[in-house]
C-alpha atoms as a PDB file:
ATOM      1  CA  MET A   1     -17.502 -53.059  66.228  1.00  0.00           C
ATOM      2  CA  SER A   2     -18.216 -49.386  66.018  1.00  0.00           C
ATOM      3  CA  GLU A   3     -18.287 -47.774  62.573  1.00  0.00           C
ATOM      4  CA  ILE A   4     -15.166 -45.860  61.704  1.00  0.00           C
ATOM      5  CA  LYS A   5     -16.057 -42.275  60.912  1.00  0.00           C
ATOM      6  CA  HIS A   6     -13.916 -40.187  58.631  1.00  0.00           C
ATOM      7  CA  PRO A   7     -13.520 -36.512  59.258  1.00  0.00           C
ATOM      8  CA  ALA A   8     -16.229 -34.443  57.585  1.00  0.00           C
ATOM      9  CA  HIS A   9     -13.810 -32.565  55.348  1.00  0.00           C
ATOM     10  CA  LEU A  10     -12.550 -35.862  53.894  1.00  0.00           C
ATOM     11  CA  GLU A  11     -16.060 -37.098  53.215  1.00  0.00           C
ATOM     12  CA  GLU A  12     -16.883 -33.873  51.366  1.00  0.00           C
ATOM     13  CA  GLU A  13     -13.652 -33.847  49.348  1.00  0.00           C
ATOM     14  CA  LYS A  14     -14.418 -34.327  45.653  1.00  0.00           C
ATOM     15  CA  ASN A  15     -12.815 -36.888  43.397  1.00  0.00           C
ATOM     16  CA  PRO A  16     -10.973 -34.966  40.582  1.00  0.00           C
ATOM     17  CA  VAL A  17     -11.122 -37.952  38.248  1.00  0.00           C
ATOM     18  CA  ALA A  18     -14.863 -38.176  38.701  1.00  0.00           C
ATOM     19  CA  ASP A  19     -15.220 -34.448  38.182  1.00  0.00           C
ATOM     20  CA  LEU A  20     -13.270 -34.629  34.955  1.00  0.00           C
ATOM     21  CA  HIS A  21     -15.422 -37.509  33.763  1.00  0.00           C
ATOM     22  CA  ASN A  22     -18.595 -35.614  34.594  1.00  0.00           C
ATOM     23  CA  ALA A  23     -17.339 -32.493  32.816  1.00  0.00           C
ATOM     24  CA  TRP A  24     -16.522 -34.510  29.722  1.00  0.00           C
ATOM     25  CA  GLU A  25     -19.977 -36.068  29.813  1.00  0.00           C
ATOM     26  CA  ARG A  26     -21.532 -32.602  29.919  1.00  0.00           C
ATOM     27  CA  TYR A  27     -19.246 -30.645  27.581  1.00  0.00           C
ATOM     28  CA  GLY A  28     -17.283 -33.226  25.614  1.00  0.00           C
ATOM     29  CA  LYS A  29     -19.355 -32.928  22.455  1.00  0.00           C
ATOM     30  CA  GLN A  30     -19.034 -29.127  22.364  1.00  0.00           C
ATOM     31  CA  LEU A  31     -15.290 -29.313  22.966  1.00  0.00           C
ATOM     32  CA  SER A  32     -14.933 -31.831  20.162  1.00  0.00           C
ATOM     33  CA  TYR A  33     -16.678 -29.427  17.792  1.00  0.00           C
ATOM     34  CA  VAL A  34     -14.371 -26.587  18.852  1.00  0.00           C
ATOM     35  CA  VAL A  35     -11.254 -28.700  18.353  1.00  0.00           C
ATOM     36  CA  LEU A  36     -12.527 -29.932  14.995  1.00  0.00           C
ATOM     37  CA  ALA A  37     -13.260 -26.373  13.879  1.00  0.00           C
ATOM     38  CA  LEU A  38      -9.746 -25.263  14.847  1.00  0.00           C
ATOM     39  CA  VAL A  39      -8.245 -28.177  12.948  1.00  0.00           C
ATOM     40  CA  VAL A  40     -10.294 -27.278   9.860  1.00  0.00           C
ATOM     41  CA  ILE A  41      -9.360 -23.575  10.061  1.00  0.00           C
ATOM     42  CA  VAL A  42      -5.635 -24.177  10.563  1.00  0.00           C
ATOM     43  CA  GLY A  43      -5.564 -26.933   7.972  1.00  0.00           C
ATOM     44  CA  GLY A  44      -7.487 -24.760   5.533  1.00  0.00           C
ATOM     45  CA  PHE A  45      -5.066 -21.885   6.012  1.00  0.00           C
ATOM     46  CA  PHE A  46      -2.030 -24.016   5.226  1.00  0.00           C
ATOM     47  CA  ALA A  47      -3.800 -25.714   2.330  1.00  0.00           C
ATOM     48  CA  TYR A  48      -4.790 -22.336   0.856  1.00  0.00           C
ATOM     49  CA  ARG A  49      -1.254 -21.025   1.193  1.00  0.00           C
ATOM     50  CA  SER A  50       0.298 -24.152  -0.308  1.00  0.00           C
ATOM     51  CA  PHE A  51      -2.145 -24.818  -3.150  1.00  0.00           C
ATOM     52  CA  VAL A  52      -3.574 -21.381  -3.986  1.00  0.00           C
ATOM     53  CA  SER A  53      -1.705 -18.381  -2.564  1.00  0.00           C
ATOM     54  CA  GLU A  54       1.895 -19.396  -3.262  1.00  0.00           C
ATOM     55  CA  PRO A  55       1.230 -20.797  -6.768  1.00  0.00           C
ATOM     56  CA  ASN A  56      -0.742 -17.648  -7.671  1.00  0.00           C
ATOM     57  CA  GLU A  57       2.075 -15.454  -6.422  1.00  0.00           C
ATOM     58  CA  LYS A  58       4.529 -17.350  -8.621  1.00  0.00           C
ATOM     59  CA  LYS A  59       2.249 -17.130 -11.675  1.00  0.00           C
ATOM     60  CA  ALA A  60       1.661 -13.414 -11.136  1.00  0.00           C
ATOM     61  CA  THR A  61       5.382 -12.722 -10.798  1.00  0.00           C
ATOM     62  CA  GLU A  62       6.078 -14.622 -14.018  1.00  0.00           C
ATOM     63  CA  ALA A  63       3.287 -12.762 -15.835  1.00  0.00           C
ATOM     64  CA  MET A  64       4.678  -9.411 -14.667  1.00  0.00           C
ATOM     65  CA  PHE A  65       8.009  -9.994 -16.363  1.00  0.00           C
ATOM     66  CA  ARG A  66       6.898  -9.285 -19.938  1.00  0.00           C
ATOM     67  CA  ALA A  67       4.546  -6.450 -18.940  1.00  0.00           C
ATOM     68  CA  GLU A  68       7.362  -4.738 -17.034  1.00  0.00           C
ATOM     69  CA  GLU A  69       9.590  -5.162 -20.074  1.00  0.00           C
ATOM     70  CA  TYR A  70       7.041  -3.340 -22.253  1.00  0.00           C
ATOM     71  CA  TYR A  71       6.819  -0.649 -19.566  1.00  0.00           C
ATOM     72  CA  ARG A  72      10.581  -0.125 -19.643  1.00  0.00           C
ATOM     73  CA  LEU A  73      10.399   0.121 -23.444  1.00  0.00           C
ATOM     74  CA  ASP A  74       7.775   2.873 -23.020  1.00  0.00           C
ATOM     75  CA  SER A  75       5.118   0.766 -24.746  1.00  0.00           C
ATOM     76  CA  ALA A  76       2.306   1.751 -22.409  1.00  0.00           C
ATOM     77  CA  LYS A  77      -0.537   0.117 -24.373  1.00  0.00           C
ATOM     78  CA  LEU A  78       1.220  -3.232 -24.601  1.00  0.00           C
ATOM     79  CA  ALA A  79       2.202  -3.004 -20.945  1.00  0.00           C
ATOM     80  CA  LEU A  80      -1.433  -2.422 -20.015  1.00  0.00           C
ATOM     81  CA  ASN A  81      -3.158  -4.850 -22.359  1.00  0.00           C
ATOM     82  CA  GLY A  82      -0.466  -7.407 -23.146  1.00  0.00           C
ATOM     83  CA  ASP A  83       0.102  -9.122 -26.452  1.00  0.00           C
ATOM     84  CA  GLN A  84      -1.277 -12.304 -28.008  1.00  0.00           C
ATOM     85  CA  VAL A  85       0.809 -14.447 -25.671  1.00  0.00           C
ATOM     86  CA  ASN A  86       1.495 -12.439 -22.534  1.00  0.00           C
ATOM     87  CA  PRO A  87      -1.008 -10.689 -20.256  1.00  0.00           C
ATOM     88  CA  GLY A  88      -0.692  -7.005 -19.464  1.00  0.00           C
ATOM     89  CA  PHE A  89      -1.065  -5.262 -16.126  1.00  0.00           C
ATOM     90  CA  LEU A  90      -4.854  -5.072 -16.370  1.00  0.00           C
ATOM     91  CA  LYS A  91      -5.223  -8.842 -16.801  1.00  0.00           C
ATOM     92  CA  ILE A  92      -2.740  -9.455 -13.988  1.00  0.00           C
ATOM     93  CA  ILE A  93      -4.771  -7.203 -11.662  1.00  0.00           C
ATOM     94  CA  SER A  94      -7.991  -8.983 -12.647  1.00  0.00           C
ATOM     95  CA  LYS A  95      -6.577 -12.482 -12.189  1.00  0.00           C
ATOM     96  CA  TYR A  96      -4.003 -12.052  -9.428  1.00  0.00           C
ATOM     97  CA  GLY A  97      -5.070  -8.842  -7.700  1.00  0.00           C
ATOM     98  CA  SER A  98      -4.619 -10.240  -4.184  1.00  0.00           C
ATOM     99  CA  THR A  99      -0.956 -11.166  -4.737  1.00  0.00           C
ATOM    100  CA  LYS A 100       1.992  -8.856  -4.152  1.00  0.00           C
ATOM    101  CA  ALA A 101       2.709  -8.756  -7.880  1.00  0.00           C
ATOM    102  CA  GLY A 102      -0.957  -8.085  -8.640  1.00  0.00           C
ATOM    103  CA  LYS A 103      -0.998  -5.150  -6.238  1.00  0.00           C
ATOM    104  CA  LEU A 104       2.176  -3.739  -7.787  1.00  0.00           C
ATOM    105  CA  ALA A 105       0.470  -3.957 -11.180  1.00  0.00           C
ATOM    106  CA  ASN A 106      -1.887  -1.184  -9.979  1.00  0.00           C
ATOM    107  CA  PHE A 107       1.063   1.194  -9.766  1.00  0.00           C
ATOM    108  CA  TYR A 108       2.225   0.286 -13.255  1.00  0.00           C
ATOM    109  CA  ALA A 109      -1.299   0.530 -14.671  1.00  0.00           C
ATOM    110  CA  GLY A 110      -1.774   3.993 -13.181  1.00  0.00           C
ATOM    111  CA  SER A 111       1.559   5.120 -14.567  1.00  0.00           C
ATOM    112  CA  CYS A 112       0.689   3.751 -18.021  1.00  0.00           C
ATOM    113  CA  TYR A 113      -2.664   5.534 -18.072  1.00  0.00           C
ATOM    114  CA  LEU A 114      -0.896   8.760 -17.103  1.00  0.00           C
ATOM    115  CA  LYS A 115       1.434   8.361 -20.086  1.00  0.00           C
ATOM    116  CA  LEU A 116      -1.562   7.706 -22.348  1.00  0.00           C
ATOM    117  CA  GLY A 117      -3.393  10.812 -21.142  1.00  0.00           C
ATOM    118  CA  ASP A 118      -6.207   8.883 -19.440  1.00  0.00           C
ATOM    119  CA  PHE A 119      -5.949  10.765 -16.167  1.00  0.00           C
ATOM    120  CA  ASN A 120      -9.120   9.464 -14.521  1.00  0.00           C
ATOM    121  CA  ASN A 121      -7.960   5.874 -14.848  1.00  0.00           C
ATOM    122  CA  ALA A 122      -4.495   6.938 -13.711  1.00  0.00           C
ATOM    123  CA  VAL A 123      -6.037   8.230 -10.474  1.00  0.00           C
ATOM    124  CA  LYS A 124      -8.179   5.109 -10.097  1.00  0.00           C
ATOM    125  CA  TYR A 125      -5.302   2.654 -10.221  1.00  0.00           C
ATOM    126  CA  LEU A 126      -2.748   4.747  -8.341  1.00  0.00           C
ATOM    127  CA  LYS A 127      -5.200   5.241  -5.474  1.00  0.00           C
ATOM    128  CA  ASP A 128      -5.565   1.455  -5.242  1.00  0.00           C
ATOM    129  CA  PHE A 129      -1.850   1.041  -4.623  1.00  0.00           C
ATOM    130  CA  SER A 130       0.136   1.423  -1.422  1.00  0.00           C
ATOM    131  CA  THR A 131       3.477   0.047  -0.301  1.00  0.00           C
ATOM    132  CA  PRO A 132       5.878   0.226   2.655  1.00  0.00           C
ATOM    133  CA  VAL A 133       8.704   0.835   0.160  1.00  0.00           C
ATOM    134  CA  GLN A 134       9.240   4.555   0.698  1.00  0.00           C
ATOM    135  CA  GLN A 135      10.714   5.436  -2.688  1.00  0.00           C
ATOM    136  CA  LEU A 136       7.845   3.746  -4.512  1.00  0.00           C
ATOM    137  CA  GLN A 137       5.154   5.240  -2.295  1.00  0.00           C
ATOM    138  CA  GLU A 138       6.707   8.669  -2.789  1.00  0.00           C
ATOM    139  CA  ARG A 139       6.565   8.160  -6.551  1.00  0.00           C
ATOM    140  CA  THR A 140       2.925   7.066  -6.299  1.00  0.00           C
ATOM    141  CA  TYR A 141       1.969  10.278  -4.509  1.00  0.00           C
ATOM    142  CA  GLY A 142       3.856  12.279  -7.119  1.00  0.00           C
ATOM    143  CA  LEU A 143       2.134  10.571 -10.048  1.00  0.00           C
ATOM    144  CA  LEU A 144      -1.227  11.127  -8.386  1.00  0.00           C
ATOM    145  CA  GLY A 145      -0.305  14.798  -8.138  1.00  0.00           C
ATOM    146  CA  ASP A 146       0.466  14.846 -11.856  1.00  0.00           C
ATOM    147  CA  ALA A 147      -2.842  13.158 -12.715  1.00  0.00           C
ATOM    148  CA  TYR A 148      -4.911  15.511 -10.558  1.00  0.00           C
ATOM    149  CA  SER A 149      -3.024  18.488 -11.977  1.00  0.00           C
ATOM    150  CA  GLU A 150      -3.872  17.396 -15.516  1.00  0.00           C
ATOM    151  CA  LEU A 151      -7.526  17.110 -14.454  1.00  0.00           C
ATOM    152  CA  ASP A 152      -7.277  20.693 -13.142  1.00  0.00           C
ATOM    153  CA  LYS A 153      -8.003  19.483  -9.618  1.00  0.00           C
ATOM    154  CA  LYS A 154      -5.456  21.784  -8.033  1.00  0.00           C
ATOM    155  CA  ASN A 155      -6.351  21.196  -4.390  1.00  0.00           C
ATOM    156  CA  GLU A 156      -6.025  17.424  -4.744  1.00  0.00           C
ATOM    157  CA  ALA A 157      -2.848  17.818  -6.804  1.00  0.00           C
ATOM    158  CA  VAL A 158      -1.092  20.086  -4.344  1.00  0.00           C
ATOM    159  CA  GLU A 159      -1.888  17.763  -1.434  1.00  0.00           C
ATOM    160  CA  GLN A 160      -0.379  14.797  -3.290  1.00  0.00           C
ATOM    161  CA  TYR A 161       2.703  16.816  -4.240  1.00  0.00           C
ATOM    162  CA  LYS A 162       3.205  17.830  -0.608  1.00  0.00           C
ATOM    163  CA  LYS A 163       2.898  14.191   0.471  1.00  0.00           C
ATOM    164  CA  ALA A 164       5.406  13.160  -2.171  1.00  0.00           C
ATOM    165  CA  GLY A 165       7.824  15.940  -1.263  1.00  0.00           C
ATOM    166  CA  THR A 166       7.879  15.152   2.454  1.00  0.00           C
ATOM    167  CA  TYR A 167       7.402  11.375   2.502  1.00  0.00           C
ATOM    168  CA  PHE A 168      10.983  10.292   1.824  1.00  0.00           C
ATOM    169  CA  GLU A 169      13.147  13.289   2.660  1.00  0.00           C
ATOM    170  CA  LYS A 170      16.439  11.555   1.860  1.00  0.00           C
ATOM    171  CA  ASP A 171      15.522  11.557  -1.815  1.00  0.00           C
ATOM    172  CA  GLU A 172      17.255  14.630  -3.243  1.00  0.00           C
ATOM    173  CA  LEU A 173      15.960  13.974  -6.750  1.00  0.00           C
ATOM    174  CA  PHE A 174      12.189  13.728  -6.427  1.00  0.00           C
ATOM    175  CA  SER A 175      11.485  15.376  -3.047  1.00  0.00           C
ATOM    176  CA  PRO A 176      12.563  18.908  -4.064  1.00  0.00           C
ATOM    177  CA  GLU A 177      10.870  18.494  -7.442  1.00  0.00           C
ATOM    178  CA  TYR A 178       7.525  17.639  -5.890  1.00  0.00           C
ATOM    179  CA  LEU A 179       7.826  20.431  -3.342  1.00  0.00           C
ATOM    180  CA  PHE A 180       8.484  22.802  -6.229  1.00  0.00           C
ATOM    181  CA  ARG A 181       5.369  21.570  -8.057  1.00  0.00           C
ATOM    182  CA  ALA A 182       3.351  22.163  -4.894  1.00  0.00           C
ATOM    183  CA  GLY A 183       4.765  25.688  -4.611  1.00  0.00           C
ATOM    184  CA  TYR A 184       4.100  26.457  -8.255  1.00  0.00           C
ATOM    185  CA  LEU A 185       0.487  25.260  -7.958  1.00  0.00           C
ATOM    186  CA  TYR A 186       0.014  27.373  -4.844  1.00  0.00           C
ATOM    187  CA  GLU A 187       1.143  30.378  -6.893  1.00  0.00           C
ATOM    188  CA  GLN A 188      -1.447  29.583  -9.567  1.00  0.00           C
ATOM    189  CA  MET A 189      -4.094  29.271  -6.869  1.00  0.00           C
ATOM    190  CA  GLY A 190      -3.183  32.682  -5.454  1.00  0.00           C
ATOM    191  CA  LYS A 191      -1.937  31.189  -2.190  1.00  0.00           C
ATOM    192  CA  THR A 192       1.268  33.205  -1.994  1.00  0.00           C
ATOM    193  CA  GLN A 193       2.233  32.389   1.579  1.00  0.00           C
ATOM    194  CA  ASP A 194       1.845  28.655   0.973  1.00  0.00           C
ATOM    195  CA  ALA A 195       3.987  28.944  -2.152  1.00  0.00           C
ATOM    196  CA  ILE A 196       6.663  30.835  -0.205  1.00  0.00           C
ATOM    197  CA  ALA A 197       6.635  28.094   2.448  1.00  0.00           C
ATOM    198  CA  MET A 198       7.274  25.426  -0.202  1.00  0.00           C
ATOM    199  CA  TYR A 199      10.136  27.349  -1.836  1.00  0.00           C
ATOM    200  CA  LYS A 200      11.736  28.051   1.540  1.00  0.00           C
ATOM    201  CA  LEU A 201      11.480  24.379   2.444  1.00  0.00           C
ATOM    202  CA  ILE A 202      13.299  23.458  -0.766  1.00  0.00           C
ATOM    203  CA  LYS A 203      15.991  26.066  -0.085  1.00  0.00           C
ATOM    204  CA  ASP A 204      16.514  24.888   3.502  1.00  0.00           C
ATOM    205  CA  LYS A 205      16.462  21.124   2.927  1.00  0.00           C
ATOM    206  CA  TYR A 206      17.892  20.780  -0.586  1.00  0.00           C
ATOM    207  CA  PRO A 207      20.127  23.818  -1.200  1.00  0.00           C
ATOM    208  CA  ALA A 208      22.541  21.973  -3.505  1.00  0.00           C
ATOM    209  CA  THR A 209      19.879  20.561  -5.828  1.00  0.00           C
ATOM    210  CA  PRO A 210      18.773  22.321  -9.029  1.00  0.00           C
ATOM    211  CA  ARG A 211      15.450  23.285  -7.421  1.00  0.00           C
ATOM    212  CA  GLY A 212      17.254  24.451  -4.302  1.00  0.00           C
ATOM    213  CA  ILE A 213      19.513  26.704  -6.349  1.00  0.00           C
ATOM    214  CA  GLU A 214      16.497  28.149  -8.177  1.00  0.00           C
ATOM    215  CA  ALA A 215      14.500  28.732  -5.006  1.00  0.00           C
ATOM    216  CA  ASP A 216      15.743  32.317  -4.480  1.00  0.00           C
ATOM    217  CA  LYS A 217      14.522  33.263  -7.933  1.00  0.00           C
ATOM    218  CA  TYR A 218      10.990  32.076  -7.178  1.00  0.00           C
ATOM    219  CA  LEU A 219      11.024  33.631  -3.716  1.00  0.00           C
ATOM    220  CA  ALA A 220      12.150  36.979  -5.185  1.00  0.00           C
ATOM    221  CA  ARG A 221       9.301  36.810  -7.668  1.00  0.00           C
ATOM    222  CA  LEU A 222       6.954  36.631  -4.688  1.00  0.00           C
ATOM    223  CA  GLY A 223       8.651  39.559  -2.966  1.00  0.00           C
ATOM    224  CA  VAL A 224      10.908  37.592  -0.618  1.00  0.00           C
ATOM    225  CA  THR A 225      14.544  38.726  -0.615  1.00  0.00           C
ATOM    226  CA  GLN A 226      17.500  37.519   1.404  1.00  0.00           C
END
């Protein structure tokens, strides 16, 4: 009986099961390491969040309560340093600095140092704080302007005041005030045209505010009349 010959293309066709087995023989160990590493990374992330991050966030929030209370009572030293039982903002930053509450403590610490007249530390802590909350970020820029102004760093101060005055334009309380401070500093620096620009901006954007009503007086002083 003659031998049955299969077409050449069938003889050359590869067996996918065999290929898979061969691939596993060659690369299975490496793939196992990759899968194991992914399991460790993902598991570690959830373990960190469950056993470290979330508990720390809760502890930091609880610690902030008393410090914020001292801040509201205008007791800046106690707010910063705490009392015999409760930590202040500085301890909260040191212990829980990576949490949301710990980051917010930088704003409070900077504000406290500003009240205490320690302007270098005020700058240090305020610069370490940022937030997507517009009103709070606006206030941070404004306080930085105040601190730099007290340090007689007029260029840095005026830049922070301009940021504060234009960051959250819906704020009719602080925005015109910070623009005014920028304009006033420009006057002191002899930059008349920049000062005029600030006063005009206040007049155009916030005409009904106290600073907006006063704007004509400051413009007239610089030789600008209606």
